[in-house]
Amino acid sequence: MPRSLKKGPYVNERIINKIKDLKPGDKTVINVWDRSCTVTPEMVGFTLGVHNGKKHIPVYVVENMVGHKLGEFSFTRKFVGHGGKKAKETKK
């Protein structure tokens, strides 16, 4: 369920202030724990280290990500693969 239109998107002001302090094209990674923050056009072109519960995953923000949440680009679960006899046989 999206956030109410009258409230607007949730954006962490501290993240926006850190981005405004950087120069365009700066390669500095900004570590972010706020996965529920919405990606805004000001974030495009910067790299954010989004926390997945264990470590920060570097996410380079592009134009197509605007409107999505930061947590969508930093997965919290690692897919190992499906097991069973057939998987072992096809692996060989």
PDB file of N, CA and C in Angstrom:
ATOM      1  N   MET A   1       0.847  -1.178   0.000  1.00  0.00           N
ATOM      2  CA  MET A   1       0.000   0.000   0.000  1.00  0.00           C
ATOM      3  C   MET A   1       0.891   1.240   0.000  1.00  0.00           C
ATOM      4  N   PRO A   2       0.750   2.105  -0.962  1.00  0.00           N
ATOM      5  CA  PRO A   2       1.594   3.301  -0.997  1.00  0.00           C
ATOM      6  C   PRO A   2       1.194   4.310   0.077  1.00  0.00           C
ATOM      7  N   ARG A   3       2.077   5.215   0.331  1.00  0.00           N
ATOM      8  CA  ARG A   3       1.835   6.266   1.306  1.00  0.00           C
ATOM      9  C   ARG A   3       0.774   7.227   0.764  1.00  0.00           C
ATOM     10  N   SER A   4       0.033   7.878   1.671  1.00  0.00           N
ATOM     11  CA  SER A   4      -1.036   8.791   1.292  1.00  0.00           C
ATOM     12  C   SER A   4      -0.501   9.923   0.419  1.00  0.00           C
ATOM     13  N   LEU A   5      -1.257  10.302  -0.600  1.00  0.00           N
ATOM     14  CA  LEU A   5      -0.831  11.360  -1.504  1.00  0.00           C
ATOM     15  C   LEU A   5      -0.734  12.708  -0.797  1.00  0.00           C
ATOM     16  N   LYS A   6      -1.592  12.934   0.195  1.00  0.00           N
ATOM     17  CA  LYS A   6      -1.532  14.220   0.893  1.00  0.00           C
ATOM     18  C   LYS A   6      -0.274  14.329   1.754  1.00  0.00           C
ATOM     19  N   LYS A   7       0.249  13.214   2.217  1.00  0.00           N
ATOM     20  CA  LYS A   7       1.494  13.233   3.003  1.00  0.00           C
ATOM     21  C   LYS A   7       2.716  13.352   2.104  1.00  0.00           C
ATOM     22  N   GLY A   8       2.654  12.784   0.931  1.00  0.00           N
ATOM     23  CA  GLY A   8       3.805  12.794   0.034  1.00  0.00           C
ATOM     24  C   GLY A   8       4.743  11.641   0.325  1.00  0.00           C
ATOM     25  N   PRO A   9       5.785  11.459  -0.491  1.00  0.00           N
ATOM     26  CA  PRO A   9       6.722  10.348  -0.281  1.00  0.00           C
ATOM     27  C   PRO A   9       7.603  10.597   0.940  1.00  0.00           C
ATOM     28  N   TYR A  10       8.010   9.479   1.589  1.00  0.00           N
ATOM     29  CA  TYR A  10       8.905   9.590   2.735  1.00  0.00           C
ATOM     30  C   TYR A  10      10.338   9.718   2.234  1.00  0.00           C
ATOM     31  N   VAL A  11      10.978  10.830   2.580  1.00  0.00           N
ATOM     32  CA  VAL A  11      12.366  11.065   2.216  1.00  0.00           C
ATOM     33  C   VAL A  11      13.099  11.534   3.469  1.00  0.00           C
ATOM     34  N   ASN A  12      14.205  10.876   3.784  1.00  0.00           N
ATOM     35  CA  ASN A  12      14.991  11.252   4.949  1.00  0.00           C
ATOM     36  C   ASN A  12      15.790  12.512   4.624  1.00  0.00           C
ATOM     37  N   GLU A  13      15.549  13.568   5.363  1.00  0.00           N
ATOM     38  CA  GLU A  13      16.203  14.861   5.098  1.00  0.00           C
ATOM     39  C   GLU A  13      17.717  14.794   5.310  1.00  0.00           C
ATOM     40  N   ARG A  14      18.185  13.945   6.218  1.00  0.00           N
ATOM     41  CA  ARG A  14      19.629  13.846   6.475  1.00  0.00           C
ATOM     42  C   ARG A  14      20.355  13.298   5.253  1.00  0.00           C
ATOM     43  N   ILE A  15      19.730  12.361   4.548  1.00  0.00           N
ATOM     44  CA  ILE A  15      20.341  11.810   3.341  1.00  0.00           C
ATOM     45  C   ILE A  15      20.419  12.884   2.259  1.00  0.00           C
ATOM     46  N   ILE A  16      19.344  13.653   2.090  1.00  0.00           N
ATOM     47  CA  ILE A  16      19.318  14.720   1.088  1.00  0.00           C
ATOM     48  C   ILE A  16      20.376  15.772   1.402  1.00  0.00           C
ATOM     49  N   ASN A  17      20.535  16.119   2.680  1.00  0.00           N
ATOM     50  CA  ASN A  17      21.553  17.110   3.062  1.00  0.00           C
ATOM     51  C   ASN A  17      22.964  16.613   2.781  1.00  0.00           C
ATOM     52  N   LYS A  18      23.220  15.319   3.007  1.00  0.00           N
ATOM     53  CA  LYS A  18      24.540  14.754   2.710  1.00  0.00           C
ATOM     54  C   LYS A  18      24.812  14.778   1.207  1.00  0.00           C
ATOM     55  N   ILE A  19      23.786  14.529   0.410  1.00  0.00           N
ATOM     56  CA  ILE A  19      23.948  14.530  -1.046  1.00  0.00           C
ATOM     57  C   ILE A  19      24.197  15.949  -1.555  1.00  0.00           C
ATOM     58  N   LYS A  20      23.529  16.929  -0.968  1.00  0.00           N
ATOM     59  CA  LYS A  20      23.712  18.315  -1.400  1.00  0.00           C
ATOM     60  C   LYS A  20      25.118  18.817  -1.103  1.00  0.00           C
ATOM     61  N   ASP A  21      25.773  18.254  -0.070  1.00  0.00           N
ATOM     62  CA  ASP A  21      27.138  18.654   0.269  1.00  0.00           C
ATOM     63  C   ASP A  21      28.159  18.122  -0.730  1.00  0.00           C
ATOM     64  N   LEU A  22      27.813  17.048  -1.457  1.00  0.00           N
ATOM     65  CA  LEU A  22      28.735  16.456  -2.425  1.00  0.00           C
ATOM     66  C   LEU A  22      28.650  17.183  -3.768  1.00  0.00           C
ATOM     67  N   LYS A  23      29.736  17.105  -4.508  1.00  0.00           N
ATOM     68  CA  LYS A  23      29.774  17.674  -5.855  1.00  0.00           C
ATOM     69  C   LYS A  23      29.209  16.656  -6.837  1.00  0.00           C
ATOM     70  N   PRO A  24      28.634  17.103  -7.958  1.00  0.00           N
ATOM     71  CA  PRO A  24      28.139  16.148  -8.963  1.00  0.00           C
ATOM     72  C   PRO A  24      29.275  15.277  -9.502  1.00  0.00           C
ATOM     73  N   GLY A  25      29.011  13.992  -9.606  1.00  0.00           N
ATOM     74  CA  GLY A  25      30.008  13.054 -10.103  1.00  0.00           C
ATOM     75  C   GLY A  25      30.960  12.548  -9.044  1.00  0.00           C
ATOM     76  N   ASP A  26      30.726  12.918  -7.776  1.00  0.00           N
ATOM     77  CA  ASP A  26      31.588  12.467  -6.682  1.00  0.00           C
ATOM     78  C   ASP A  26      31.367  10.976  -6.453  1.00  0.00           C
ATOM     79  N   LYS A  27      32.447  10.223  -6.270  1.00  0.00           N
ATOM     80  CA  LYS A  27      32.366   8.771  -6.124  1.00  0.00           C
ATOM     81  C   LYS A  27      32.249   8.328  -4.668  1.00  0.00           C
ATOM     82  N   THR A  28      32.063   9.251  -3.737  1.00  0.00           N
ATOM     83  CA  THR A  28      31.954   8.909  -2.322  1.00  0.00           C
ATOM     84  C   THR A  28      30.672   8.110  -2.079  1.00  0.00           C
ATOM     85  N   VAL A  29      30.784   7.034  -1.288  1.00  0.00           N
ATOM     86  CA  VAL A  29      29.629   6.210  -0.945  1.00  0.00           C
ATOM     87  C   VAL A  29      29.023   6.740   0.356  1.00  0.00           C
ATOM     88  N   ILE A  30      27.742   7.048   0.328  1.00  0.00           N
ATOM     89  CA  ILE A  30      27.029   7.516   1.517  1.00  0.00           C
ATOM     90  C   ILE A  30      26.326   6.318   2.129  1.00  0.00           C
ATOM     91  N   ASN A  31      26.711   5.934   3.341  1.00  0.00           N
ATOM     92  CA  ASN A  31      26.087   4.797   4.005  1.00  0.00           C
ATOM     93  C   ASN A  31      24.719   5.186   4.533  1.00  0.00           C
ATOM     94  N   VAL A  32      23.723   4.336   4.232  1.00  0.00           N
ATOM     95  CA  VAL A  32      22.335   4.612   4.576  1.00  0.00           C
ATOM     96  C   VAL A  32      21.743   3.377   5.249  1.00  0.00           C
ATOM     97  N   TRP A  33      21.076   3.587   6.376  1.00  0.00           N
ATOM     98  CA  TRP A  33      20.372   2.508   7.053  1.00  0.00           C
ATOM     99  C   TRP A  33      18.878   2.578   6.781  1.00  0.00           C
ATOM    100  N   ASP A  34      18.404   3.688   6.243  1.00  0.00           N
ATOM    101  CA  ASP A  34      16.983   3.922   6.039  1.00  0.00           C
ATOM    102  C   ASP A  34      16.537   3.312   4.712  1.00  0.00           C
ATOM    103  N   ARG A  35      16.089   2.047   4.753  1.00  0.00           N
ATOM    104  CA  ARG A  35      15.688   1.338   3.546  1.00  0.00           C
ATOM    105  C   ARG A  35      14.335   1.799   3.031  1.00  0.00           C
ATOM    106  N   SER A  36      13.533   2.436   3.886  1.00  0.00           N
ATOM    107  CA  SER A  36      12.190   2.855   3.490  1.00  0.00           C
ATOM    108  C   SER A  36      12.166   4.232   2.843  1.00  0.00           C
ATOM    109  N   CYS A  37      13.323   4.848   2.691  1.00  0.00           N
ATOM    110  CA  CYS A  37      13.416   6.165   2.080  1.00  0.00           C
ATOM    111  C   CYS A  37      13.178   6.051   0.569  1.00  0.00           C
ATOM    112  N   THR A  38      12.382   6.971   0.026  1.00  0.00           N
ATOM    113  CA  THR A  38      12.082   6.978  -1.400  1.00  0.00           C
ATOM    114  C   THR A  38      13.215   7.653  -2.171  1.00  0.00           C
ATOM    115  N   VAL A  39      13.554   7.102  -3.332  1.00  0.00           N
ATOM    116  CA  VAL A  39      14.596   7.680  -4.184  1.00  0.00           C
ATOM    117  C   VAL A  39      14.029   8.924  -4.870  1.00  0.00           C
ATOM    118  N   THR A  40      14.750  10.043  -4.757  1.00  0.00           N
ATOM    119  CA  THR A  40      14.333  11.301  -5.364  1.00  0.00           C
ATOM    120  C   THR A  40      15.273  11.663  -6.509  1.00  0.00           C
ATOM    121  N   PRO A  41      14.885  12.607  -7.367  1.00  0.00           N
ATOM    122  CA  PRO A  41      15.758  13.000  -8.486  1.00  0.00           C
ATOM    123  C   PRO A  41      17.100  13.587  -8.030  1.00  0.00           C
ATOM    124  N   GLU A  42      17.184  14.133  -6.811  1.00  0.00           N
ATOM    125  CA  GLU A  42      18.457  14.681  -6.319  1.00  0.00           C
ATOM    126  C   GLU A  42      19.497  13.587  -6.080  1.00  0.00           C
ATOM    127  N   MET A  43      19.060  12.339  -5.893  1.00  0.00           N
ATOM    128  CA  MET A  43      19.968  11.230  -5.591  1.00  0.00           C
ATOM    129  C   MET A  43      20.585  10.626  -6.852  1.00  0.00           C
ATOM    130  N   VAL A  44      20.071  10.962  -8.021  1.00  0.00           N
ATOM    131  CA  VAL A  44      20.542  10.362  -9.272  1.00  0.00           C
ATOM    132  C   VAL A  44      22.003  10.736  -9.513  1.00  0.00           C
ATOM    133  N   GLY A  45      22.813   9.723  -9.807  1.00  0.00           N
ATOM    134  CA  GLY A  45      24.224   9.945 -10.105  1.00  0.00           C
ATOM    135  C   GLY A  45      25.142   9.726  -8.922  1.00  0.00           C
ATOM    136  N   PHE A  46      24.585   9.423  -7.765  1.00  0.00           N
ATOM    137  CA  PHE A  46      25.404   9.190  -6.568  1.00  0.00           C
ATOM    138  C   PHE A  46      25.310   7.725  -6.159  1.00  0.00           C
ATOM    139  N   THR A  47      26.297   7.274  -5.386  1.00  0.00           N
ATOM    140  CA  THR A  47      26.316   5.906  -4.888  1.00  0.00           C
ATOM    141  C   THR A  47      25.950   5.911  -3.421  1.00  0.00           C
ATOM    142  N   LEU A  48      24.938   5.118  -3.064  1.00  0.00           N
ATOM    143  CA  LEU A  48      24.487   5.001  -1.683  1.00  0.00           C
ATOM    144  C   LEU A  48      24.774   3.582  -1.200  1.00  0.00           C
ATOM    145  N   GLY A  49      25.320   3.455  -0.012  1.00  0.00           N
ATOM    146  CA  GLY A  49      25.549   2.146   0.592  1.00  0.00           C
ATOM    147  C   GLY A  49      24.342   1.785   1.429  1.00  0.00           C
ATOM    148  N   VAL A  50      23.435   0.972   0.886  1.00  0.00           N
ATOM    149  CA  VAL A  50      22.186   0.621   1.565  1.00  0.00           C
ATOM    150  C   VAL A  50      22.422  -0.613   2.430  1.00  0.00           C
ATOM    151  N   HIS A  51      22.064  -0.523   3.705  1.00  0.00           N
ATOM    152  CA  HIS A  51      22.301  -1.604   4.664  1.00  0.00           C
ATOM    153  C   HIS A  51      21.299  -2.725   4.436  1.00  0.00           C
ATOM    154  N   ASN A  52      21.781  -3.967   4.404  1.00  0.00           N
ATOM    155  CA  ASN A  52      20.883  -5.102   4.206  1.00  0.00           C
ATOM    156  C   ASN A  52      20.714  -5.925   5.479  1.00  0.00           C
ATOM    157  N   GLY A  53      21.174  -5.404   6.608  1.00  0.00           N
ATOM    158  CA  GLY A  53      21.080  -6.116   7.867  1.00  0.00           C
ATOM    159  C   GLY A  53      22.419  -6.665   8.311  1.00  0.00           C
ATOM    160  N   LYS A  54      23.344  -6.807   7.378  1.00  0.00           N
ATOM    161  CA  LYS A  54      24.670  -7.335   7.687  1.00  0.00           C
ATOM    162  C   LYS A  54      25.762  -6.376   7.239  1.00  0.00           C
ATOM    163  N   LYS A  55      25.641  -5.857   6.022  1.00  0.00           N
ATOM    164  CA  LYS A  55      26.640  -4.938   5.492  1.00  0.00           C
ATOM    165  C   LYS A  55      25.968  -3.941   4.553  1.00  0.00           C
ATOM    166  N   HIS A  56      26.716  -2.966   4.106  1.00  0.00           N
ATOM    167  CA  HIS A  56      26.205  -1.957   3.191  1.00  0.00           C
ATOM    168  C   HIS A  56      26.481  -2.389   1.752  1.00  0.00           C
ATOM    169  N   ILE A  57      25.418  -2.443   0.951  1.00  0.00           N
ATOM    170  CA  ILE A  57      25.521  -2.814  -0.453  1.00  0.00           C
ATOM    171  C   ILE A  57      25.572  -1.532  -1.277  1.00  0.00           C
ATOM    172  N   PRO A  58      26.641  -1.302  -2.054  1.00  0.00           N
ATOM    173  CA  PRO A  58      26.696  -0.071  -2.864  1.00  0.00           C
ATOM    174  C   PRO A  58      25.665  -0.098  -3.992  1.00  0.00           C
ATOM    175  N   VAL A  59      24.859   0.962  -4.047  1.00  0.00           N
ATOM    176  CA  VAL A  59      23.807   1.084  -5.060  1.00  0.00           C
ATOM    177  C   VAL A  59      24.029   2.397  -5.797  1.00  0.00           C
ATOM    178  N   TYR A  60      24.301   2.311  -7.101  1.00  0.00           N
ATOM    179  CA  TYR A  60      24.450   3.507  -7.925  1.00  0.00           C
ATOM    180  C   TYR A  60      23.056   3.889  -8.410  1.00  0.00           C
ATOM    181  N   VAL A  61      22.602   5.072  -8.062  1.00  0.00           N
ATOM    182  CA  VAL A  61      21.236   5.508  -8.363  1.00  0.00           C
ATOM    183  C   VAL A  61      21.166   6.052  -9.791  1.00  0.00           C
ATOM    184  N   VAL A  62      20.260   5.481 -10.585  1.00  0.00           N
ATOM    185  CA  VAL A  62      20.021   5.939 -11.950  1.00  0.00           C
ATOM    186  C   VAL A  62      18.595   6.483 -12.046  1.00  0.00           C
ATOM    187  N   GLU A  63      18.259   7.052 -13.172  1.00  0.00           N
ATOM    188  CA  GLU A  63      16.995   7.754 -13.346  1.00  0.00           C
ATOM    189  C   GLU A  63      15.775   6.836 -13.207  1.00  0.00           C
ATOM    190  N   ASN A  64      15.904   5.587 -13.589  1.00  0.00           N
ATOM    191  CA  ASN A  64      14.772   4.654 -13.516  1.00  0.00           C
ATOM    192  C   ASN A  64      14.391   4.291 -12.087  1.00  0.00           C
ATOM    193  N   MET A  65      15.258   4.545 -11.118  1.00  0.00           N
ATOM    194  CA  MET A  65      14.996   4.182  -9.727  1.00  0.00           C
ATOM    195  C   MET A  65      14.146   5.216  -8.991  1.00  0.00           C
ATOM    196  N   VAL A  66      13.935   6.382  -9.578  1.00  0.00           N
ATOM    197  CA  VAL A  66      13.203   7.452  -8.905  1.00  0.00           C
ATOM    198  C   VAL A  66      11.783   6.979  -8.616  1.00  0.00           C
ATOM    199  N   GLY A  67      11.348   7.155  -7.366  1.00  0.00           N
ATOM    200  CA  GLY A  67      10.021   6.732  -6.936  1.00  0.00           C
ATOM    201  C   GLY A  67      10.015   5.410  -6.209  1.00  0.00           C
ATOM    202  N   HIS A  68      11.092   4.637  -6.325  1.00  0.00           N
ATOM    203  CA  HIS A  68      11.192   3.358  -5.625  1.00  0.00           C
ATOM    204  C   HIS A  68      11.824   3.578  -4.259  1.00  0.00           C
ATOM    205  N   LYS A  69      11.799   2.547  -3.421  1.00  0.00           N
ATOM    206  CA  LYS A  69      12.423   2.599  -2.104  1.00  0.00           C
ATOM    207  C   LYS A  69      13.858   2.099  -2.203  1.00  0.00           C
ATOM    208  N   LEU A  70      14.734   2.595  -1.324  1.00  0.00           N
ATOM    209  CA  LEU A  70      16.140   2.173  -1.348  1.00  0.00           C
ATOM    210  C   LEU A  70      16.287   0.690  -1.040  1.00  0.00           C
ATOM    211  N   GLY A  71      15.433   0.147  -0.189  1.00  0.00           N
ATOM    212  CA  GLY A  71      15.526  -1.255   0.192  1.00  0.00           C
ATOM    213  C   GLY A  71      15.274  -2.227  -0.936  1.00  0.00           C
ATOM    214  N   GLU A  72      14.649  -1.761  -2.017  1.00  0.00           N
ATOM    215  CA  GLU A  72      14.378  -2.641  -3.153  1.00  0.00           C
ATOM    216  C   GLU A  72      15.646  -3.036  -3.892  1.00  0.00           C
ATOM    217  N   PHE A  73      16.716  -2.291  -3.705  1.00  0.00           N
ATOM    218  CA  PHE A  73      17.951  -2.519  -4.456  1.00  0.00           C
ATOM    219  C   PHE A  73      19.047  -3.145  -3.608  1.00  0.00           C
ATOM    220  N   SER A  74      18.736  -3.469  -2.356  1.00  0.00           N
ATOM    221  CA  SER A  74      19.691  -4.123  -1.463  1.00  0.00           C
ATOM    222  C   SER A  74      19.002  -5.338  -0.865  1.00  0.00           C
ATOM    223  N   PHE A  75      19.256  -6.506  -1.427  1.00  0.00           N
ATOM    224  CA  PHE A  75      18.556  -7.708  -1.009  1.00  0.00           C
ATOM    225  C   PHE A  75      19.017  -8.177   0.361  1.00  0.00           C
ATOM    226  N   THR A  76      18.065  -8.681   1.161  1.00  0.00           N
ATOM    227  CA  THR A  76      18.372  -9.118   2.513  1.00  0.00           C
ATOM    228  C   THR A  76      18.589 -10.624   2.599  1.00  0.00           C
ATOM    229  N   ARG A  77      18.182 -11.342   1.579  1.00  0.00           N
ATOM    230  CA  ARG A  77      18.334 -12.797   1.583  1.00  0.00           C
ATOM    231  C   ARG A  77      19.215 -13.225   0.413  1.00  0.00           C
ATOM    232  N   LYS A  78      20.019 -14.252   0.676  1.00  0.00           N
ATOM    233  CA  LYS A  78      20.938 -14.756  -0.346  1.00  0.00           C
ATOM    234  C   LYS A  78      20.390 -16.075  -0.885  1.00  0.00           C
ATOM    235  N   PHE A  79      20.150 -16.119  -2.204  1.00  0.00           N
ATOM    236  CA  PHE A  79      19.653 -17.340  -2.822  1.00  0.00           C
ATOM    237  C   PHE A  79      20.830 -18.262  -3.110  1.00  0.00           C
ATOM    238  N   VAL A  80      20.796 -19.449  -2.519  1.00  0.00           N
ATOM    239  CA  VAL A  80      21.874 -20.413  -2.695  1.00  0.00           C
ATOM    240  C   VAL A  80      21.574 -21.336  -3.863  1.00  0.00           C
ATOM    241  N   GLY A  81      20.337 -21.745  -4.009  1.00  0.00           N
ATOM    242  CA  GLY A  81      19.935 -22.628  -5.096  1.00  0.00           C
ATOM    243  C   GLY A  81      19.040 -23.720  -4.570  1.00  0.00           C
ATOM    244  N   HIS A  82      18.292 -24.329  -5.474  1.00  0.00           N
ATOM    245  CA  HIS A  82      17.416 -25.420  -5.090  1.00  0.00           C
ATOM    246  C   HIS A  82      18.237 -26.701  -5.014  1.00  0.00           C
ATOM    247  N   GLY A  83      17.942 -27.514  -4.030  1.00  0.00           N
ATOM    248  CA  GLY A  83      18.702 -28.742  -3.833  1.00  0.00           C
ATOM    249  C   GLY A  83      18.031 -29.945  -4.451  1.00  0.00           C
ATOM    250  N   GLY A  84      18.511 -31.108  -4.098  1.00  0.00           N
ATOM    251  CA  GLY A  84      17.924 -32.355  -4.564  1.00  0.00           C
ATOM    252  C   GLY A  84      18.863 -33.126  -5.467  1.00  0.00           C
ATOM    253  N   LYS A  85      18.412 -34.335  -5.829  1.00  0.00           N
ATOM    254  CA  LYS A  85      19.234 -35.206  -6.667  1.00  0.00           C
ATOM    255  C   LYS A  85      19.464 -34.624  -8.060  1.00  0.00           C
ATOM    256  N   LYS A  86      18.416 -34.086  -8.681  1.00  0.00           N
ATOM    257  CA  LYS A  86      18.546 -33.566 -10.038  1.00  0.00           C
ATOM    258  C   LYS A  86      19.503 -32.382 -10.101  1.00  0.00           C
ATOM    259  N   ALA A  87      19.495 -31.555  -9.106  1.00  0.00           N
ATOM    260  CA  ALA A  87      20.387 -30.401  -9.104  1.00  0.00           C
ATOM    261  C   ALA A  87      21.835 -30.847  -9.015  1.00  0.00           C
ATOM    262  N   LYS A  88      22.089 -31.877  -8.219  1.00  0.00           N
ATOM    263  CA  LYS A  88      23.459 -32.397  -8.097  1.00  0.00           C
ATOM    264  C   LYS A  88      23.907 -33.069  -9.403  1.00  0.00           C
ATOM    265  N   GLU A  89      22.993 -33.785 -10.058  1.00  0.00           N
ATOM    266  CA  GLU A  89      23.339 -34.454 -11.308  1.00  0.00           C
ATOM    267  C   GLU A  89      23.610 -33.461 -12.436  1.00  0.00           C
ATOM    268  N   THR A  90      22.789 -32.432 -12.529  1.00  0.00           N
ATOM    269  CA  THR A  90      22.986 -31.468 -13.600  1.00  0.00           C
ATOM    270  C   THR A  90      24.217 -30.595 -13.361  1.00  0.00           C
ATOM    271  N   LYS A  91      24.606 -30.471 -12.110  1.00  0.00           N
ATOM    272  CA  LYS A  91      25.802 -29.694 -11.776  1.00  0.00           C
ATOM    273  C   LYS A  91      27.066 -30.380 -12.283  1.00  0.00           C
ATOM    274  N   LYS A  92      27.047 -31.724 -12.287  1.00  0.00           N
ATOM    275  CA  LYS A  92      28.200 -32.505 -12.738  1.00  0.00           C
ATOM    276  C   LYS A  92      28.239 -32.517 -14.212  1.00  0.00           C
TER     277      LYS A  92
END
